[in-house]
Amino acid sequence: MRWHDPDWRGLPIHEADIAAAAVAALLSDGHHGRAYDLLPGEIPEFSAEEWDAALIPLPTVEEVTGRPARRYASWAVDHAADFR
């Protein structure tokens, strides 16, 4: 299953990590002409209990920004109100 499949449940990445990687790539030296994948294209399926323990995005966010990507639990807390 791939990201364009309507049943795909990809690894979520916090939008703040996407923004931080974009800012670093645009404003820091050494990124000209580079393209970064923030998530793998295909992933195994995980149970709800396995998500936070197993969720490890590609190391790209840390490589570009100098700090690790946020965990799924952080995204869930930040977006809890969206599901109420």
N, C-alpha and C. Protein backbone atom coordinates (compact mmCIF):
# COMPACT_ATOMS: atom_id res chain seq x y z
N MET A 1 0.84 -1.18 0.00
CA MET A 1 0.00 0.00 0.00
C MET A 1 0.89 1.24 0.00
N ARG A 2 0.54 2.23 -0.74
CA ARG A 2 1.33 3.45 -0.85
C ARG A 2 0.51 4.65 -0.41
N TRP A 3 1.15 5.80 -0.29
CA TRP A 3 0.49 7.00 0.23
C TRP A 3 -0.72 7.40 -0.58
N HIS A 4 -0.77 7.11 -1.88
CA HIS A 4 -1.88 7.53 -2.70
C HIS A 4 -3.07 6.57 -2.63
N ASP A 5 -2.90 5.44 -1.98
CA ASP A 5 -3.99 4.49 -1.79
C ASP A 5 -4.92 5.02 -0.70
N PRO A 6 -6.23 5.06 -0.92
CA PRO A 6 -7.14 5.64 0.08
C PRO A 6 -7.16 4.88 1.41
N ASP A 7 -6.70 3.63 1.42
CA ASP A 7 -6.66 2.87 2.67
C ASP A 7 -5.32 2.95 3.37
N TRP A 8 -4.39 3.69 2.78
CA TRP A 8 -3.05 3.77 3.35
C TRP A 8 -3.06 4.52 4.66
N ARG A 9 -2.40 3.96 5.63
CA ARG A 9 -2.22 4.64 6.92
C ARG A 9 -0.72 4.76 7.13
N GLY A 10 -0.16 5.81 6.61
CA GLY A 10 1.28 6.01 6.67
C GLY A 10 1.74 6.50 8.02
N LEU A 11 3.03 6.53 8.15
CA LEU A 11 3.60 7.05 9.38
C LEU A 11 3.33 8.54 9.45
N PRO A 12 2.63 8.97 10.46
CA PRO A 12 2.38 10.41 10.56
C PRO A 12 3.65 11.14 10.95
N ILE A 13 3.76 12.33 10.48
CA ILE A 13 4.88 13.19 10.88
C ILE A 13 4.27 14.51 11.31
N HIS A 14 4.75 15.02 12.39
CA HIS A 14 4.22 16.27 12.94
C HIS A 14 4.48 17.39 11.95
N GLU A 15 3.46 18.18 11.70
CA GLU A 15 3.63 19.28 10.73
C GLU A 15 4.69 20.27 11.16
N ALA A 16 4.94 20.38 12.46
CA ALA A 16 6.01 21.26 12.94
C ALA A 16 7.38 20.73 12.52
N ASP A 17 7.53 19.40 12.42
CA ASP A 17 8.78 18.83 11.93
C ASP A 17 8.96 19.09 10.44
N ILE A 18 7.87 19.01 9.68
CA ILE A 18 7.94 19.33 8.25
C ILE A 18 8.36 20.79 8.08
N ALA A 19 7.74 21.67 8.86
CA ALA A 19 8.06 23.10 8.78
C ALA A 19 9.51 23.36 9.20
N ALA A 20 9.96 22.72 10.27
CA ALA A 20 11.33 22.93 10.75
C ALA A 20 12.35 22.46 9.71
N ALA A 21 12.07 21.32 9.08
CA ALA A 21 12.98 20.82 8.05
C ALA A 21 12.99 21.76 6.85
N ALA A 22 11.82 22.29 6.48
CA ALA A 22 11.75 23.22 5.35
C ALA A 22 12.52 24.51 5.65
N VAL A 23 12.33 25.05 6.83
CA VAL A 23 13.03 26.28 7.21
C VAL A 23 14.54 26.05 7.21
N ALA A 24 14.97 24.95 7.82
CA ALA A 24 16.41 24.66 7.85
C ALA A 24 16.97 24.48 6.45
N ALA A 25 16.23 23.77 5.59
CA ALA A 25 16.70 23.53 4.23
C ALA A 25 16.76 24.82 3.42
N LEU A 26 15.82 25.72 3.67
CA LEU A 26 15.78 26.97 2.91
C LEU A 26 16.78 28.01 3.43
N LEU A 27 17.04 28.01 4.72
CA LEU A 27 17.84 29.08 5.31
C LEU A 27 19.25 28.68 5.72
N SER A 28 19.56 27.39 5.71
CA SER A 28 20.89 26.93 6.11
C SER A 28 21.71 26.55 4.90
N ASP A 29 23.01 26.64 5.03
CA ASP A 29 23.90 26.25 3.94
C ASP A 29 23.91 24.74 3.76
N GLY A 30 24.24 24.30 2.56
CA GLY A 30 24.44 22.89 2.28
C GLY A 30 23.22 22.12 1.80
N HIS A 31 22.13 22.81 1.54
CA HIS A 31 20.91 22.12 1.12
C HIS A 31 20.53 22.41 -0.33
N HIS A 32 21.27 23.28 -0.99
CA HIS A 32 20.93 23.67 -2.36
C HIS A 32 20.90 22.44 -3.28
N GLY A 33 19.80 22.29 -4.01
CA GLY A 33 19.66 21.21 -4.97
C GLY A 33 19.34 19.86 -4.37
N ARG A 34 19.12 19.79 -3.08
CA ARG A 34 18.82 18.52 -2.42
C ARG A 34 17.33 18.35 -2.26
N ALA A 35 16.90 17.11 -2.21
CA ALA A 35 15.50 16.75 -1.92
C ALA A 35 15.53 15.77 -0.76
N TYR A 36 14.60 15.92 0.15
CA TYR A 36 14.58 15.09 1.35
C TYR A 36 13.29 14.29 1.45
N ASP A 37 13.42 13.01 1.77
CA ASP A 37 12.27 12.19 2.11
C ASP A 37 12.13 12.21 3.62
N LEU A 38 10.97 12.60 4.09
CA LEU A 38 10.76 12.62 5.53
C LEU A 38 10.13 11.32 6.04
N LEU A 39 9.53 10.55 5.14
CA LEU A 39 8.91 9.27 5.51
C LEU A 39 9.20 8.23 4.44
N PRO A 40 9.27 6.94 4.86
CA PRO A 40 9.42 5.90 3.84
C PRO A 40 8.14 5.75 3.03
N GLY A 41 8.24 5.26 1.81
CA GLY A 41 7.08 5.12 0.94
C GLY A 41 6.16 3.98 1.33
N GLU A 42 6.69 2.90 1.86
CA GLU A 42 5.86 1.78 2.28
C GLU A 42 6.26 1.40 3.70
N ILE A 43 5.28 1.01 4.49
CA ILE A 43 5.53 0.65 5.88
C ILE A 43 4.69 -0.57 6.25
N PRO A 44 5.12 -1.31 7.26
CA PRO A 44 4.27 -2.40 7.73
C PRO A 44 3.10 -1.83 8.52
N GLU A 45 2.05 -2.63 8.68
CA GLU A 45 0.92 -2.19 9.49
C GLU A 45 1.23 -2.45 10.96
N PHE A 46 0.80 -1.53 11.82
CA PHE A 46 1.01 -1.64 13.25
C PHE A 46 -0.32 -1.58 13.96
N SER A 47 -0.40 -2.25 15.09
CA SER A 47 -1.59 -2.10 15.93
C SER A 47 -1.51 -0.75 16.62
N ALA A 48 -2.61 -0.30 17.17
CA ALA A 48 -2.62 0.99 17.87
C ALA A 48 -1.61 1.00 19.01
N GLU A 49 -1.44 -0.11 19.67
CA GLU A 49 -0.50 -0.19 20.80
C GLU A 49 0.96 -0.10 20.35
N GLU A 50 1.22 -0.50 19.11
CA GLU A 50 2.60 -0.50 18.61
C GLU A 50 3.04 0.83 18.03
N TRP A 51 2.08 1.72 17.71
CA TRP A 51 2.42 2.95 17.00
C TRP A 51 3.51 3.76 17.67
N ASP A 52 3.30 4.17 18.92
CA ASP A 52 4.26 5.08 19.54
C ASP A 52 5.61 4.42 19.74
N ALA A 53 5.62 3.16 20.11
CA ALA A 53 6.89 2.47 20.33
C ALA A 53 7.64 2.25 19.02
N ALA A 54 6.90 1.97 17.95
CA ALA A 54 7.54 1.63 16.68
C ALA A 54 7.71 2.81 15.75
N LEU A 55 7.05 3.92 16.03
CA LEU A 55 7.07 5.05 15.10
C LEU A 55 8.40 5.77 15.15
N ILE A 56 9.16 5.56 14.13
CA ILE A 56 10.44 6.25 14.01
C ILE A 56 10.55 6.72 12.57
N PRO A 57 10.25 8.01 12.29
CA PRO A 57 10.40 8.51 10.91
C PRO A 57 11.85 8.41 10.47
N LEU A 58 12.06 8.52 9.18
CA LEU A 58 13.43 8.55 8.69
C LEU A 58 14.20 9.61 9.46
N PRO A 59 15.51 9.47 9.58
CA PRO A 59 16.30 10.42 10.36
C PRO A 59 16.46 11.78 9.68
N THR A 60 15.74 12.02 8.61
CA THR A 60 15.91 13.24 7.84
C THR A 60 15.65 14.49 8.66
N VAL A 61 14.61 14.50 9.48
CA VAL A 61 14.31 15.70 10.28
C VAL A 61 15.51 16.04 11.15
N GLU A 62 16.08 15.05 11.81
CA GLU A 62 17.25 15.31 12.66
C GLU A 62 18.46 15.73 11.85
N GLU A 63 18.66 15.11 10.70
CA GLU A 63 19.80 15.47 9.85
C GLU A 63 19.70 16.91 9.36
N VAL A 64 18.48 17.36 9.04
CA VAL A 64 18.31 18.70 8.49
C VAL A 64 18.23 19.75 9.58
N THR A 65 17.52 19.44 10.68
CA THR A 65 17.28 20.45 11.72
C THR A 65 18.23 20.37 12.90
N GLY A 66 18.88 19.22 13.08
CA GLY A 66 19.77 19.06 14.22
C GLY A 66 19.07 18.58 15.48
N ARG A 67 17.78 18.25 15.39
CA ARG A 67 17.06 17.71 16.54
C ARG A 67 16.14 16.59 16.06
N PRO A 68 15.86 15.61 16.94
CA PRO A 68 15.02 14.48 16.51
C PRO A 68 13.60 14.90 16.18
N ALA A 69 12.95 14.10 15.35
CA ALA A 69 11.54 14.33 15.03
C ALA A 69 10.69 14.09 16.27
N ARG A 70 9.56 14.75 16.32
CA ARG A 70 8.63 14.55 17.42
C ARG A 70 8.01 13.16 17.31
N ARG A 71 7.65 12.59 18.45
CA ARG A 71 7.01 11.28 18.49
C ARG A 71 5.53 11.41 18.15
N TYR A 72 4.92 10.30 17.78
CA TYR A 72 3.49 10.28 17.47
C TYR A 72 2.67 10.78 18.65
N ALA A 73 3.07 10.45 19.86
CA ALA A 73 2.33 10.89 21.05
C ALA A 73 2.27 12.41 21.12
N SER A 74 3.32 13.08 20.71
CA SER A 74 3.32 14.55 20.70
C SER A 74 2.30 15.08 19.71
N TRP A 75 2.24 14.48 18.52
CA TRP A 75 1.24 14.89 17.53
C TRP A 75 -0.16 14.65 18.06
N ALA A 76 -0.38 13.50 18.69
CA ALA A 76 -1.71 13.17 19.20
C ALA A 76 -2.16 14.17 20.27
N VAL A 77 -1.27 14.55 21.15
CA VAL A 77 -1.60 15.55 22.18
C VAL A 77 -1.91 16.89 21.53
N ASP A 78 -1.09 17.29 20.58
CA ASP A 78 -1.29 18.58 19.91
C ASP A 78 -2.59 18.64 19.11
N HIS A 79 -3.11 17.49 18.67
CA HIS A 79 -4.30 17.46 17.81
C HIS A 79 -5.53 16.83 18.47
N ALA A 80 -5.46 16.58 19.75
CA ALA A 80 -6.59 15.94 20.45
C ALA A 80 -7.88 16.71 20.25
N ALA A 81 -7.83 18.02 20.29
CA ALA A 81 -9.03 18.83 20.14
C ALA A 81 -9.65 18.68 18.74
N ASP A 82 -8.85 18.32 17.76
CA ASP A 82 -9.37 18.14 16.39
C ASP A 82 -10.32 16.96 16.29
N PHE A 83 -10.27 16.06 17.25
CA PHE A 83 -11.08 14.85 17.20
C PHE A 83 -12.24 14.86 18.20
N ARG A 84 -12.47 16.00 18.80
CA ARG A 84 -13.58 16.10 19.76
C ARG A 84 -14.78 16.67 19.11
